[in-house]
Each structure stands twice: as C-alpha cells, then as structure tokens.
Amino acid sequence: MTFFVEMRMTYVVTEACIQCKYMDCVEVCPVDCFYEGENTLVIHPDECIDCGVCEPECPAEAILPDTDGIAEQWIEMNRKYAEMWPNVTRKRDALPDADNMKGVEGKFEKFFSETPGQGDD
C-alpha cells in the first residue's frame, strides 16, 4: 500500500524586510496571506499557496521559498506573527528610511518590533 503525503511549500519573509516594509508584495498576493507589523511584514505559511508571485516584487529581496536554507529559520517567526498581526492586502508607502536600510545585516536583533501594524483599516 502506498500513501501520499501532500508537502505544501510556502514563501517566508526574512529579516531583510525589517525597517523597509516595501509593500509591493501584498498587492500581488492572490490569497491575501500577508500580515503587517510595525516595521515588517510576514506571510502566513498555512495560507500561502506557493505561487511565488510575491518574491520578484520585493525590492529588498526579503521573500524566499521555504526550501531555501536561509528561509528555514524564518518559518516559525512568520507563523507566530501572522497569527497576531492584522492582515494587509493594500500597498502603502515603504518606511521612510527603507532605501537606506535595504541590505543592512542583523536587522532582527537590532530593529524588529512585535507591535502590530495598521492592516487594512
């Protein structure tokens, strides 16, 4: 007897989004699986359908497939905050210092905020 287990892939937001929060990705997501913190976004891994349309839209290159070795460490962080923060489906301006913060290393330890963002209110 053969059993098939559905392996569902997902995309995740990494620390590269912190202090940038470009929102081009939320506008193209067909399943609205982005959630907004004060200074970053996350993807709910159980809602993502692995379509990949968000990844090329991110100027900070902060979105990776969960199969990428770097992305693995961000899956649970994305899950945790997606369950706490408001859903966001509409693009707004990036954070004021986004262009200067793009590419900065170690942003999670220095800048990450657990404070929810405004969502789509």
PDB file of N, CA and C in Angstrom:
ATOM      1  N   MET A   1       0.850  -1.178   0.000  1.00  0.00           N
ATOM      2  CA  MET A   1       0.000   0.000   0.000  1.00  0.00           C
ATOM      3  C   MET A   1       0.897   1.243   0.000  1.00  0.00           C
ATOM      4  N   THR A   2       0.544   2.200  -0.844  1.00  0.00           N
ATOM      5  CA  THR A   2       1.330   3.433  -0.947  1.00  0.00           C
ATOM      6  C   THR A   2       0.511   4.601  -0.425  1.00  0.00           C
ATOM      7  N   PHE A   3       1.130   5.413   0.386  1.00  0.00           N
ATOM      8  CA  PHE A   3       0.475   6.609   0.905  1.00  0.00           C
ATOM      9  C   PHE A   3       1.191   7.830   0.354  1.00  0.00           C
ATOM     10  N   PHE A   4       0.416   8.815   0.003  1.00  0.00           N
ATOM     11  CA  PHE A   4       0.993  10.062  -0.470  1.00  0.00           C
ATOM     12  C   PHE A   4       0.738  11.131   0.564  1.00  0.00           C
ATOM     13  N   VAL A   5       1.777  11.816   0.922  1.00  0.00           N
ATOM     14  CA  VAL A   5       1.651  12.914   1.868  1.00  0.00           C
ATOM     15  C   VAL A   5       1.836  14.199   1.077  1.00  0.00           C
ATOM     16  N   GLU A   6       0.865  15.075   1.181  1.00  0.00           N
ATOM     17  CA  GLU A   6       0.978  16.345   0.462  1.00  0.00           C
ATOM     18  C   GLU A   6       1.979  17.234   1.183  1.00  0.00           C
ATOM     19  N   MET A   7       3.018  17.609   0.484  1.00  0.00           N
ATOM     20  CA  MET A   7       4.007  18.512   1.036  1.00  0.00           C
ATOM     21  C   MET A   7       3.700  19.896   0.490  1.00  0.00           C
ATOM     22  N   ARG A   8       3.311  20.762   1.348  1.00  0.00           N
ATOM     23  CA  ARG A   8       2.940  22.104   0.924  1.00  0.00           C
ATOM     24  C   ARG A   8       4.100  23.044   1.182  1.00  0.00           C
ATOM     25  N   MET A   9       4.489  23.731   0.151  1.00  0.00           N
ATOM     26  CA  MET A   9       5.567  24.694   0.303  1.00  0.00           C
ATOM     27  C   MET A   9       4.968  26.066   0.598  1.00  0.00           C
ATOM     28  N   THR A  10       5.806  26.924   1.051  1.00  0.00           N
ATOM     29  CA  THR A  10       5.374  28.278   1.358  1.00  0.00           C
ATOM     30  C   THR A  10       6.526  29.236   1.090  1.00  0.00           C
ATOM     31  N   TYR A  11       6.212  30.471   1.040  1.00  0.00           N
ATOM     32  CA  TYR A  11       7.221  31.528   0.990  1.00  0.00           C
ATOM     33  C   TYR A  11       7.246  32.180   2.359  1.00  0.00           C
ATOM     34  N   VAL A  12       8.382  32.747   2.731  1.00  0.00           N
ATOM     35  CA  VAL A  12       8.518  33.427   4.011  1.00  0.00           C
ATOM     36  C   VAL A  12       9.188  34.778   3.819  1.00  0.00           C
ATOM     37  N   VAL A  13       8.902  35.670   4.736  1.00  0.00           N
ATOM     38  CA  VAL A  13       9.560  36.969   4.766  1.00  0.00           C
ATOM     39  C   VAL A  13      10.723  36.850   5.752  1.00  0.00           C
ATOM     40  N   THR A  14      11.884  37.318   5.346  1.00  0.00           N
ATOM     41  CA  THR A  14      13.074  37.257   6.192  1.00  0.00           C
ATOM     42  C   THR A  14      13.348  38.635   6.806  1.00  0.00           C
ATOM     43  N   GLU A  15      14.415  38.713   7.584  1.00  0.00           N
ATOM     44  CA  GLU A  15      14.752  39.963   8.252  1.00  0.00           C
ATOM     45  C   GLU A  15      15.075  41.108   7.296  1.00  0.00           C
ATOM     46  N   ALA A  16      15.303  40.802   6.026  1.00  0.00           N
ATOM     47  CA  ALA A  16      15.606  41.859   5.058  1.00  0.00           C
ATOM     48  C   ALA A  16      14.452  42.855   4.916  1.00  0.00           C
ATOM     49  N   CYS A  17      13.254  42.459   5.309  1.00  0.00           N
ATOM     50  CA  CYS A  17      12.082  43.348   5.232  1.00  0.00           C
ATOM     51  C   CYS A  17      12.052  44.371   6.378  1.00  0.00           C
ATOM     52  N   ILE A  18      12.666  44.028   7.488  1.00  0.00           N
ATOM     53  CA  ILE A  18      12.595  44.879   8.681  1.00  0.00           C
ATOM     54  C   ILE A  18      13.175  46.266   8.387  1.00  0.00           C
ATOM     55  N   GLN A  19      12.441  47.279   8.794  1.00  0.00           N
ATOM     56  CA  GLN A  19      12.783  48.688   8.608  1.00  0.00           C
ATOM     57  C   GLN A  19      12.688  49.142   7.149  1.00  0.00           C
ATOM     58  N   CYS A  20      12.218  48.273   6.264  1.00  0.00           N
ATOM     59  CA  CYS A  20      11.980  48.648   4.861  1.00  0.00           C
ATOM     60  C   CYS A  20      10.476  48.628   4.607  1.00  0.00           C
ATOM     61  N   LYS A  21       9.904  47.440   4.753  1.00  0.00           N
ATOM     62  CA  LYS A  21       8.468  47.205   4.586  1.00  0.00           C
ATOM     63  C   LYS A  21       7.936  47.767   3.270  1.00  0.00           C
ATOM     64  N   TYR A  22       8.642  47.413   2.195  1.00  0.00           N
ATOM     65  CA  TYR A  22       8.094  47.700   0.875  1.00  0.00           C
ATOM     66  C   TYR A  22       6.850  46.823   0.775  1.00  0.00           C
ATOM     67  N   MET A  23       5.810  47.322   0.201  1.00  0.00           N
ATOM     68  CA  MET A  23       4.559  46.558   0.222  1.00  0.00           C
ATOM     69  C   MET A  23       4.080  46.136  -1.166  1.00  0.00           C
ATOM     70  N   ASP A  24       4.987  46.110  -2.126  1.00  0.00           N
ATOM     71  CA  ASP A  24       4.634  45.680  -3.474  1.00  0.00           C
ATOM     72  C   ASP A  24       4.081  44.254  -3.470  1.00  0.00           C
ATOM     73  N   CYS A  25       4.587  43.433  -2.571  1.00  0.00           N
ATOM     74  CA  CYS A  25       4.207  42.027  -2.489  1.00  0.00           C
ATOM     75  C   CYS A  25       2.746  41.816  -2.106  1.00  0.00           C
ATOM     76  N   VAL A  26       2.238  42.626  -1.197  1.00  0.00           N
ATOM     77  CA  VAL A  26       0.866  42.400  -0.720  1.00  0.00           C
ATOM     78  C   VAL A  26      -0.155  42.635  -1.821  1.00  0.00           C
ATOM     79  N   GLU A  27       0.177  43.521  -2.719  1.00  0.00           N
ATOM     80  CA  GLU A  27      -0.748  43.875  -3.790  1.00  0.00           C
ATOM     81  C   GLU A  27      -0.922  42.746  -4.815  1.00  0.00           C
ATOM     82  N   VAL A  28       0.083  41.909  -4.986  1.00  0.00           N
ATOM     83  CA  VAL A  28       0.006  40.846  -5.991  1.00  0.00           C
ATOM     84  C   VAL A  28      -0.413  39.496  -5.424  1.00  0.00           C
ATOM     85  N   CYS A  29      -0.489  39.361  -4.116  1.00  0.00           N
ATOM     86  CA  CYS A  29      -0.815  38.081  -3.490  1.00  0.00           C
ATOM     87  C   CYS A  29      -2.271  37.689  -3.787  1.00  0.00           C
ATOM     88  N   PRO A  30      -2.489  36.550  -4.447  1.00  0.00           N
ATOM     89  CA  PRO A  30      -3.857  36.159  -4.784  1.00  0.00           C
ATOM     90  C   PRO A  30      -4.671  35.614  -3.612  1.00  0.00           C
ATOM     91  N   VAL A  31      -3.999  35.278  -2.504  1.00  0.00           N
ATOM     92  CA  VAL A  31      -4.721  34.714  -1.356  1.00  0.00           C
ATOM     93  C   VAL A  31      -4.623  35.586  -0.101  1.00  0.00           C
ATOM     94  N   ASP A  32      -4.108  36.788  -0.237  1.00  0.00           N
ATOM     95  CA  ASP A  32      -4.051  37.751   0.874  1.00  0.00           C
ATOM     96  C   ASP A  32      -3.460  37.150   2.145  1.00  0.00           C
ATOM     97  N   CYS A  33      -2.264  36.577   2.030  1.00  0.00           N
ATOM     98  CA  CYS A  33      -1.659  35.910   3.188  1.00  0.00           C
ATOM     99  C   CYS A  33      -0.568  36.729   3.871  1.00  0.00           C
ATOM    100  N   PHE A  34      -0.536  38.052   3.616  1.00  0.00           N
ATOM    101  CA  PHE A  34       0.441  38.915   4.282  1.00  0.00           C
ATOM    102  C   PHE A  34      -0.167  39.560   5.524  1.00  0.00           C
ATOM    103  N   TYR A  35       0.659  39.676   6.547  1.00  0.00           N
ATOM    104  CA  TYR A  35       0.249  40.290   7.804  1.00  0.00           C
ATOM    105  C   TYR A  35       1.283  41.345   8.156  1.00  0.00           C
ATOM    106  N   GLU A  36       0.797  42.409   8.811  1.00  0.00           N
ATOM    107  CA  GLU A  36       1.636  43.586   8.973  1.00  0.00           C
ATOM    108  C   GLU A  36       2.009  43.894  10.411  1.00  0.00           C
ATOM    109  N   GLY A  37       3.310  44.007  10.626  1.00  0.00           N
ATOM    110  CA  GLY A  37       3.831  44.506  11.880  1.00  0.00           C
ATOM    111  C   GLY A  37       4.201  45.971  11.714  1.00  0.00           C
ATOM    112  N   GLU A  38       4.627  46.580  12.790  1.00  0.00           N
ATOM    113  CA  GLU A  38       5.001  47.991  12.773  1.00  0.00           C
ATOM    114  C   GLU A  38       6.097  48.280  11.747  1.00  0.00           C
ATOM    115  N   ASN A  39       7.094  47.372  11.650  1.00  0.00           N
ATOM    116  CA  ASN A  39       8.202  47.668  10.744  1.00  0.00           C
ATOM    117  C   ASN A  39       8.593  46.509   9.822  1.00  0.00           C
ATOM    118  N   THR A  40       7.687  45.554   9.650  1.00  0.00           N
ATOM    119  CA  THR A  40       7.946  44.435   8.745  1.00  0.00           C
ATOM    120  C   THR A  40       6.641  43.752   8.369  1.00  0.00           C
ATOM    121  N   LEU A  41       6.727  42.848   7.437  1.00  0.00           N
ATOM    122  CA  LEU A  41       5.593  42.025   7.026  1.00  0.00           C
ATOM    123  C   LEU A  41       5.947  40.563   7.267  1.00  0.00           C
ATOM    124  N   VAL A  42       4.930  39.715   7.340  1.00  0.00           N
ATOM    125  CA  VAL A  42       5.132  38.268   7.383  1.00  0.00           C
ATOM    126  C   VAL A  42       4.099  37.614   6.482  1.00  0.00           C
ATOM    127  N   ILE A  43       4.375  36.377   6.112  1.00  0.00           N
ATOM    128  CA  ILE A  43       3.459  35.561   5.312  1.00  0.00           C
ATOM    129  C   ILE A  43       2.957  34.435   6.205  1.00  0.00           C
ATOM    130  N   HIS A  44       1.642  34.219   6.210  1.00  0.00           N
ATOM    131  CA  HIS A  44       1.109  33.088   6.979  1.00  0.00           C
ATOM    132  C   HIS A  44       1.408  31.812   6.192  1.00  0.00           C
ATOM    133  N   PRO A  45       2.264  30.931   6.716  1.00  0.00           N
ATOM    134  CA  PRO A  45       2.671  29.755   5.960  1.00  0.00           C
ATOM    135  C   PRO A  45       1.545  28.770   5.658  1.00  0.00           C
ATOM    136  N   ASP A  46       0.481  28.792   6.435  1.00  0.00           N
ATOM    137  CA  ASP A  46      -0.642  27.883   6.182  1.00  0.00           C
ATOM    138  C   ASP A  46      -1.607  28.441   5.143  1.00  0.00           C
ATOM    139  N   GLU A  47      -1.457  29.708   4.802  1.00  0.00           N
ATOM    140  CA  GLU A  47      -2.339  30.331   3.812  1.00  0.00           C
ATOM    141  C   GLU A  47      -1.657  30.493   2.459  1.00  0.00           C
ATOM    142  N   CYS A  48      -0.345  30.549   2.451  1.00  0.00           N
ATOM    143  CA  CYS A  48       0.423  30.719   1.213  1.00  0.00           C
ATOM    144  C   CYS A  48       0.209  29.500   0.314  1.00  0.00           C
ATOM    145  N   ILE A  49      -0.036  29.750  -0.966  1.00  0.00           N
ATOM    146  CA  ILE A  49      -0.259  28.662  -1.915  1.00  0.00           C
ATOM    147  C   ILE A  49       0.969  28.389  -2.783  1.00  0.00           C
ATOM    148  N   ASP A  50       2.096  28.975  -2.429  1.00  0.00           N
ATOM    149  CA  ASP A  50       3.355  28.727  -3.116  1.00  0.00           C
ATOM    150  C   ASP A  50       3.320  29.136  -4.585  1.00  0.00           C
ATOM    151  N   CYS A  51       2.599  30.210  -4.882  1.00  0.00           N
ATOM    152  CA  CYS A  51       2.532  30.648  -6.279  1.00  0.00           C
ATOM    153  C   CYS A  51       3.784  31.422  -6.682  1.00  0.00           C
ATOM    154  N   GLY A  52       4.436  32.068  -5.715  1.00  0.00           N
ATOM    155  CA  GLY A  52       5.686  32.753  -5.976  1.00  0.00           C
ATOM    156  C   GLY A  52       5.591  34.130  -6.604  1.00  0.00           C
ATOM    157  N   VAL A  53       4.388  34.665  -6.798  1.00  0.00           N
ATOM    158  CA  VAL A  53       4.294  35.970  -7.452  1.00  0.00           C
ATOM    159  C   VAL A  53       4.828  37.107  -6.587  1.00  0.00           C
ATOM    160  N   CYS A  54       4.885  36.919  -5.296  1.00  0.00           N
ATOM    161  CA  CYS A  54       5.372  37.976  -4.398  1.00  0.00           C
ATOM    162  C   CYS A  54       6.887  38.130  -4.439  1.00  0.00           C
ATOM    163  N   GLU A  55       7.599  37.039  -4.609  1.00  0.00           N
ATOM    164  CA  GLU A  55       9.062  37.060  -4.495  1.00  0.00           C
ATOM    165  C   GLU A  55       9.733  38.083  -5.415  1.00  0.00           C
ATOM    166  N   PRO A  56       9.433  38.107  -6.715  1.00  0.00           N
ATOM    167  CA  PRO A  56      10.119  39.081  -7.574  1.00  0.00           C
ATOM    168  C   PRO A  56       9.669  40.524  -7.358  1.00  0.00           C
ATOM    169  N   GLU A  57       8.588  40.735  -6.634  1.00  0.00           N
ATOM    170  CA  GLU A  57       8.078  42.086  -6.385  1.00  0.00           C
ATOM    171  C   GLU A  57       8.807  42.798  -5.251  1.00  0.00           C
ATOM    172  N   CYS A  58       9.573  42.070  -4.449  1.00  0.00           N
ATOM    173  CA  CYS A  58      10.201  42.632  -3.251  1.00  0.00           C
ATOM    174  C   CYS A  58      11.537  43.297  -3.574  1.00  0.00           C
ATOM    175  N   PRO A  59      11.607  44.636  -3.480  1.00  0.00           N
ATOM    176  CA  PRO A  59      12.864  45.340  -3.756  1.00  0.00           C
ATOM    177  C   PRO A  59      13.993  44.979  -2.782  1.00  0.00           C
ATOM    178  N   ALA A  60      13.636  44.549  -1.574  1.00  0.00           N
ATOM    179  CA  ALA A  60      14.644  44.205  -0.563  1.00  0.00           C
ATOM    180  C   ALA A  60      15.080  42.741  -0.663  1.00  0.00           C
ATOM    181  N   GLU A  61      14.469  41.989  -1.585  1.00  0.00           N
ATOM    182  CA  GLU A  61      14.743  40.557  -1.725  1.00  0.00           C
ATOM    183  C   GLU A  61      14.570  39.827  -0.398  1.00  0.00           C
ATOM    184  N   ALA A  62      13.503  40.181   0.307  1.00  0.00           N
ATOM    185  CA  ALA A  62      13.231  39.631   1.626  1.00  0.00           C
ATOM    186  C   ALA A  62      12.346  38.389   1.600  1.00  0.00           C
ATOM    187  N   ILE A  63      11.808  38.034   0.460  1.00  0.00           N
ATOM    188  CA  ILE A  63      10.896  36.897   0.367  1.00  0.00           C
ATOM    189  C   ILE A  63      11.616  35.735  -0.300  1.00  0.00           C
ATOM    190  N   LEU A  64      11.581  34.585   0.385  1.00  0.00           N
ATOM    191  CA  LEU A  64      12.252  33.394  -0.117  1.00  0.00           C
ATOM    192  C   LEU A  64      11.334  32.185  -0.002  1.00  0.00           C
ATOM    193  N   PRO A  65      11.523  31.174  -0.865  1.00  0.00           N
ATOM    194  CA  PRO A  65      10.776  29.930  -0.688  1.00  0.00           C
ATOM    195  C   PRO A  65      11.319  29.199   0.532  1.00  0.00           C
ATOM    196  N   ASP A  66      10.454  28.443   1.202  1.00  0.00           N
ATOM    197  CA  ASP A  66      10.901  27.758   2.412  1.00  0.00           C
ATOM    198  C   ASP A  66      11.931  26.667   2.129  1.00  0.00           C
ATOM    199  N   THR A  67      12.152  26.354   0.880  1.00  0.00           N
ATOM    200  CA  THR A  67      13.168  25.370   0.522  1.00  0.00           C
ATOM    201  C   THR A  67      14.576  25.961   0.537  1.00  0.00           C
ATOM    202  N   ASP A  68      14.668  27.278   0.590  1.00  0.00           N
ATOM    203  CA  ASP A  68      15.960  27.957   0.675  1.00  0.00           C
ATOM    204  C   ASP A  68      16.479  27.794   2.105  1.00  0.00           C
ATOM    205  N   GLY A  69      17.715  27.400   2.262  1.00  0.00           N
ATOM    206  CA  GLY A  69      18.285  27.165   3.594  1.00  0.00           C
ATOM    207  C   GLY A  69      18.173  28.356   4.522  1.00  0.00           C
ATOM    208  N   ILE A  70      18.292  29.556   3.992  1.00  0.00           N
ATOM    209  CA  ILE A  70      18.177  30.770   4.797  1.00  0.00           C
ATOM    210  C   ILE A  70      16.747  30.952   5.302  1.00  0.00           C
ATOM    211  N   ALA A  71      15.785  30.592   4.475  1.00  0.00           N
ATOM    212  CA  ALA A  71      14.374  30.806   4.807  1.00  0.00           C
ATOM    213  C   ALA A  71      13.891  29.925   5.953  1.00  0.00           C
ATOM    214  N   GLU A  72      14.476  28.773   6.093  1.00  0.00           N
ATOM    215  CA  GLU A  72      14.018  27.806   7.092  1.00  0.00           C
ATOM    216  C   GLU A  72      13.889  28.410   8.490  1.00  0.00           C
ATOM    217  N   GLN A  73      14.834  29.236   8.871  1.00  0.00           N
ATOM    218  CA  GLN A  73      14.818  29.818  10.221  1.00  0.00           C
ATOM    219  C   GLN A  73      13.701  30.846  10.419  1.00  0.00           C
ATOM    220  N   TRP A  74      13.058  31.285   9.333  1.00  0.00           N
ATOM    221  CA  TRP A  74      12.035  32.323   9.427  1.00  0.00           C
ATOM    222  C   TRP A  74      10.605  31.791   9.379  1.00  0.00           C
ATOM    223  N   ILE A  75      10.419  30.508   9.148  1.00  0.00           N
ATOM    224  CA  ILE A  75       9.068  29.957   9.015  1.00  0.00           C
ATOM    225  C   ILE A  75       8.252  30.150  10.289  1.00  0.00           C
ATOM    226  N   GLU A  76       8.789  29.767  11.424  1.00  0.00           N
ATOM    227  CA  GLU A  76       8.017  29.881  12.674  1.00  0.00           C
ATOM    228  C   GLU A  76       7.790  31.329  13.085  1.00  0.00           C
ATOM    229  N   MET A  77       8.754  32.193  12.789  1.00  0.00           N
ATOM    230  CA  MET A  77       8.563  33.623  13.066  1.00  0.00           C
ATOM    231  C   MET A  77       7.403  34.153  12.231  1.00  0.00           C
ATOM    232  N   ASN A  78       7.350  33.792  10.963  1.00  0.00           N
ATOM    233  CA  ASN A  78       6.248  34.221  10.095  1.00  0.00           C
ATOM    234  C   ASN A  78       4.926  33.690  10.630  1.00  0.00           C
ATOM    235  N   ARG A  79       4.882  32.424  11.021  1.00  0.00           N
ATOM    236  CA  ARG A  79       3.649  31.822  11.545  1.00  0.00           C
ATOM    237  C   ARG A  79       3.177  32.542  12.817  1.00  0.00           C
ATOM    238  N   LYS A  80       4.098  32.743  13.742  1.00  0.00           N
ATOM    239  CA  LYS A  80       3.752  33.362  15.019  1.00  0.00           C
ATOM    240  C   LYS A  80       3.128  34.747  14.832  1.00  0.00           C
ATOM    241  N   TYR A  81       3.773  35.588  14.054  1.00  0.00           N
ATOM    242  CA  TYR A  81       3.282  36.961  13.928  1.00  0.00           C
ATOM    243  C   TYR A  81       2.104  37.084  12.967  1.00  0.00           C
ATOM    244  N   ALA A  82       1.974  36.161  12.022  1.00  0.00           N
ATOM    245  CA  ALA A  82       0.793  36.164  11.148  1.00  0.00           C
ATOM    246  C   ALA A  82      -0.469  35.894  11.960  1.00  0.00           C
ATOM    247  N   GLU A  83      -0.321  35.178  13.054  1.00  0.00           N
ATOM    248  CA  GLU A  83      -1.470  34.884  13.912  1.00  0.00           C
ATOM    249  C   GLU A  83      -1.765  36.017  14.893  1.00  0.00           C
ATOM    250  N   MET A  84      -0.848  36.977  15.001  1.00  0.00           N
ATOM    251  CA  MET A  84      -1.015  38.077  15.954  1.00  0.00           C
ATOM    252  C   MET A  84      -1.296  39.420  15.278  1.00  0.00           C
ATOM    253  N   TRP A  85      -0.794  39.608  14.081  1.00  0.00           N
ATOM    254  CA  TRP A  85      -0.864  40.898  13.398  1.00  0.00           C
ATOM    255  C   TRP A  85      -2.037  40.959  12.426  1.00  0.00           C
ATOM    256  N   PRO A  86      -2.452  42.173  12.044  1.00  0.00           N
ATOM    257  CA  PRO A  86      -3.573  42.310  11.112  1.00  0.00           C
ATOM    258  C   PRO A  86      -3.180  41.975   9.665  1.00  0.00           C
ATOM    259  N   ASN A  87      -4.148  41.461   8.958  1.00  0.00           N
ATOM    260  CA  ASN A  87      -3.982  41.159   7.535  1.00  0.00           C
ATOM    261  C   ASN A  87      -3.851  42.454   6.754  1.00  0.00           C
ATOM    262  N   VAL A  88      -3.036  42.422   5.720  1.00  0.00           N
ATOM    263  CA  VAL A  88      -2.859  43.601   4.871  1.00  0.00           C
ATOM    264  C   VAL A  88      -2.905  43.154   3.413  1.00  0.00           C
ATOM    265  N   THR A  89      -3.699  43.848   2.616  1.00  0.00           N
ATOM    266  CA  THR A  89      -3.867  43.490   1.208  1.00  0.00           C
ATOM    267  C   THR A  89      -3.623  44.662   0.266  1.00  0.00           C
ATOM    268  N   ARG A  90      -3.463  45.842   0.833  1.00  0.00           N
ATOM    269  CA  ARG A  90      -3.268  47.037   0.002  1.00  0.00           C
ATOM    270  C   ARG A  90      -1.895  47.648   0.250  1.00  0.00           C
ATOM    271  N   LYS A  91      -1.257  48.010  -0.843  1.00  0.00           N
ATOM    272  CA  LYS A  91       0.066  48.612  -0.778  1.00  0.00           C
ATOM    273  C   LYS A  91      -0.019  50.040  -0.239  1.00  0.00           C
ATOM    274  N   ARG A  92       0.923  50.348   0.641  1.00  0.00           N
ATOM    275  CA  ARG A  92       1.146  51.715   1.103  1.00  0.00           C
ATOM    276  C   ARG A  92       2.621  52.023   0.886  1.00  0.00           C
ATOM    277  N   ASP A  93       3.020  53.228   1.179  1.00  0.00           N
ATOM    278  CA  ASP A  93       4.424  53.611   1.023  1.00  0.00           C
ATOM    279  C   ASP A  93       5.311  52.793   1.949  1.00  0.00           C
ATOM    280  N   ALA A  94       6.524  52.549   1.499  1.00  0.00           N
ATOM    281  CA  ALA A  94       7.522  51.884   2.331  1.00  0.00           C
ATOM    282  C   ALA A  94       7.873  52.794   3.503  1.00  0.00           C
ATOM    283  N   LEU A  95       8.585  52.253   4.475  1.00  0.00           N
ATOM    284  CA  LEU A  95       9.019  53.070   5.610  1.00  0.00           C
ATOM    285  C   LEU A  95       9.966  54.160   5.103  1.00  0.00           C
ATOM    286  N   PRO A  96       9.990  55.307   5.785  1.00  0.00           N
ATOM    287  CA  PRO A  96      10.756  56.463   5.305  1.00  0.00           C
ATOM    288  C   PRO A  96      12.239  56.194   5.024  1.00  0.00           C
ATOM    289  N   ASP A  97      12.875  55.330   5.798  1.00  0.00           N
ATOM    290  CA  ASP A  97      14.297  55.069   5.637  1.00  0.00           C
ATOM    291  C   ASP A  97      14.571  53.756   4.888  1.00  0.00           C
ATOM    292  N   ALA A  98      13.573  53.250   4.186  1.00  0.00           N
ATOM    293  CA  ALA A  98      13.659  51.935   3.543  1.00  0.00           C
ATOM    294  C   ALA A  98      14.859  51.787   2.618  1.00  0.00           C
ATOM    295  N   ASP A  99      15.078  52.743   1.771  1.00  0.00           N
ATOM    296  CA  ASP A  99      16.179  52.617   0.818  1.00  0.00           C
ATOM    297  C   ASP A  99      17.543  52.559   1.512  1.00  0.00           C
ATOM    298  N   ASN A 100      17.696  53.262   2.620  1.00  0.00           N
ATOM    299  CA  ASN A 100      18.954  53.228   3.378  1.00  0.00           C
ATOM    300  C   ASN A 100      19.119  51.934   4.173  1.00  0.00           C
ATOM    301  N   MET A 101      17.988  51.301   4.530  1.00  0.00           N
ATOM    302  CA  MET A 101      18.033  50.083   5.336  1.00  0.00           C
ATOM    303  C   MET A 101      18.121  48.816   4.485  1.00  0.00           C
ATOM    304  N   LYS A 102      17.873  48.942   3.202  1.00  0.00           N
ATOM    305  CA  LYS A 102      17.921  47.775   2.308  1.00  0.00           C
ATOM    306  C   LYS A 102      19.337  47.218   2.303  1.00  0.00           C
ATOM    307  N   GLY A 103      19.452  45.937   2.586  1.00  0.00           N
ATOM    308  CA  GLY A 103      20.750  45.273   2.573  1.00  0.00           C
ATOM    309  C   GLY A 103      21.506  45.294   3.888  1.00  0.00           C
ATOM    310  N   VAL A 104      20.996  45.983   4.895  1.00  0.00           N
ATOM    311  CA  VAL A 104      21.649  46.019   6.204  1.00  0.00           C
ATOM    312  C   VAL A 104      21.523  44.633   6.854  1.00  0.00           C
ATOM    313  N   GLU A 105      22.591  44.138   7.406  1.00  0.00           N
ATOM    314  CA  GLU A 105      22.607  42.822   8.060  1.00  0.00           C
ATOM    315  C   GLU A 105      22.195  42.928   9.529  1.00  0.00           C
ATOM    316  N   GLY A 106      21.713  41.839  10.091  1.00  0.00           N
ATOM    317  CA  GLY A 106      21.408  41.759  11.523  1.00  0.00           C
ATOM    318  C   GLY A 106      20.256  42.630  11.978  1.00  0.00           C
ATOM    319  N   LYS A 107      19.288  42.847  11.116  1.00  0.00           N
ATOM    320  CA  LYS A 107      18.187  43.762  11.458  1.00  0.00           C
ATOM    321  C   LYS A 107      17.236  43.182  12.500  1.00  0.00           C
ATOM    322  N   PHE A 108      17.091  41.866  12.567  1.00  0.00           N
ATOM    323  CA  PHE A 108      16.145  41.296  13.528  1.00  0.00           C
ATOM    324  C   PHE A 108      16.535  41.669  14.954  1.00  0.00           C
ATOM    325  N   GLU A 109      17.766  41.447  15.307  1.00  0.00           N
ATOM    326  CA  GLU A 109      18.230  41.731  16.670  1.00  0.00           C
ATOM    327  C   GLU A 109      18.194  43.219  16.996  1.00  0.00           C
ATOM    328  N   LYS A 110      18.480  44.051  16.011  1.00  0.00           N
ATOM    329  CA  LYS A 110      18.582  45.487  16.256  1.00  0.00           C
ATOM    330  C   LYS A 110      17.256  46.235  16.164  1.00  0.00           C
ATOM    331  N   PHE A 111      16.375  45.822  15.257  1.00  0.00           N
ATOM    332  CA  PHE A 111      15.230  46.667  14.938  1.00  0.00           C
ATOM    333  C   PHE A 111      13.850  46.011  15.003  1.00  0.00           C
ATOM    334  N   PHE A 112      13.754  44.689  15.072  1.00  0.00           N
ATOM    335  CA  PHE A 112      12.456  44.024  14.998  1.00  0.00           C
ATOM    336  C   PHE A 112      11.504  44.505  16.091  1.00  0.00           C
ATOM    337  N   SER A 113      10.272  44.780  15.707  1.00  0.00           N
ATOM    338  CA  SER A 113       9.238  45.197  16.654  1.00  0.00           C
ATOM    339  C   SER A 113       8.076  44.208  16.594  1.00  0.00           C
ATOM    340  N   GLU A 114       7.610  43.765  17.761  1.00  0.00           N
ATOM    341  CA  GLU A 114       6.453  42.875  17.832  1.00  0.00           C
ATOM    342  C   GLU A 114       5.137  43.636  17.720  1.00  0.00           C
ATOM    343  N   THR A 115       5.195  44.950  17.700  1.00  0.00           N
ATOM    344  CA  THR A 115       4.000  45.788  17.626  1.00  0.00           C
ATOM    345  C   THR A 115       3.274  45.568  16.304  1.00  0.00           C
ATOM    346  N   PRO A 116       1.956  45.342  16.343  1.00  0.00           N
ATOM    347  CA  PRO A 116       1.201  45.157  15.113  1.00  0.00           C
ATOM    348  C   PRO A 116       1.215  46.431  14.257  1.00  0.00           C
ATOM    349  N   GLY A 117       1.053  46.239  12.962  1.00  0.00           N
ATOM    350  CA  GLY A 117       0.894  47.354  12.042  1.00  0.00           C
ATOM    351  C   GLY A 117      -0.578  47.756  11.960  1.00  0.00           C
ATOM    352  N   GLN A 118      -0.912  48.588  11.004  1.00  0.00           N
ATOM    353  CA  GLN A 118      -2.288  49.071  10.904  1.00  0.00           C
ATOM    354  C   GLN A 118      -3.198  48.173  10.100  1.00  0.00           C
ATOM    355  N   GLY A 119      -2.648  47.281   9.283  1.00  0.00           N
ATOM    356  CA  GLY A 119      -3.502  46.420   8.473  1.00  0.00           C
ATOM    357  C   GLY A 119      -4.291  47.225   7.470  1.00  0.00           C
ATOM    358  N   ASP A 120      -5.438  46.717   7.083  1.00  0.00           N
ATOM    359  CA  ASP A 120      -6.256  47.361   6.054  1.00  0.00           C
ATOM    360  C   ASP A 120      -7.352  48.266   6.615  1.00  0.00           C
ATOM    361  N   ASP A 121      -7.172  48.847   7.791  1.00  0.00           N
ATOM    362  CA  ASP A 121      -8.253  49.672   8.346  1.00  0.00           C
ATOM    363  C   ASP A 121      -8.552  50.885   7.557  1.00  0.00           C
TER     364      ASP A 121
END
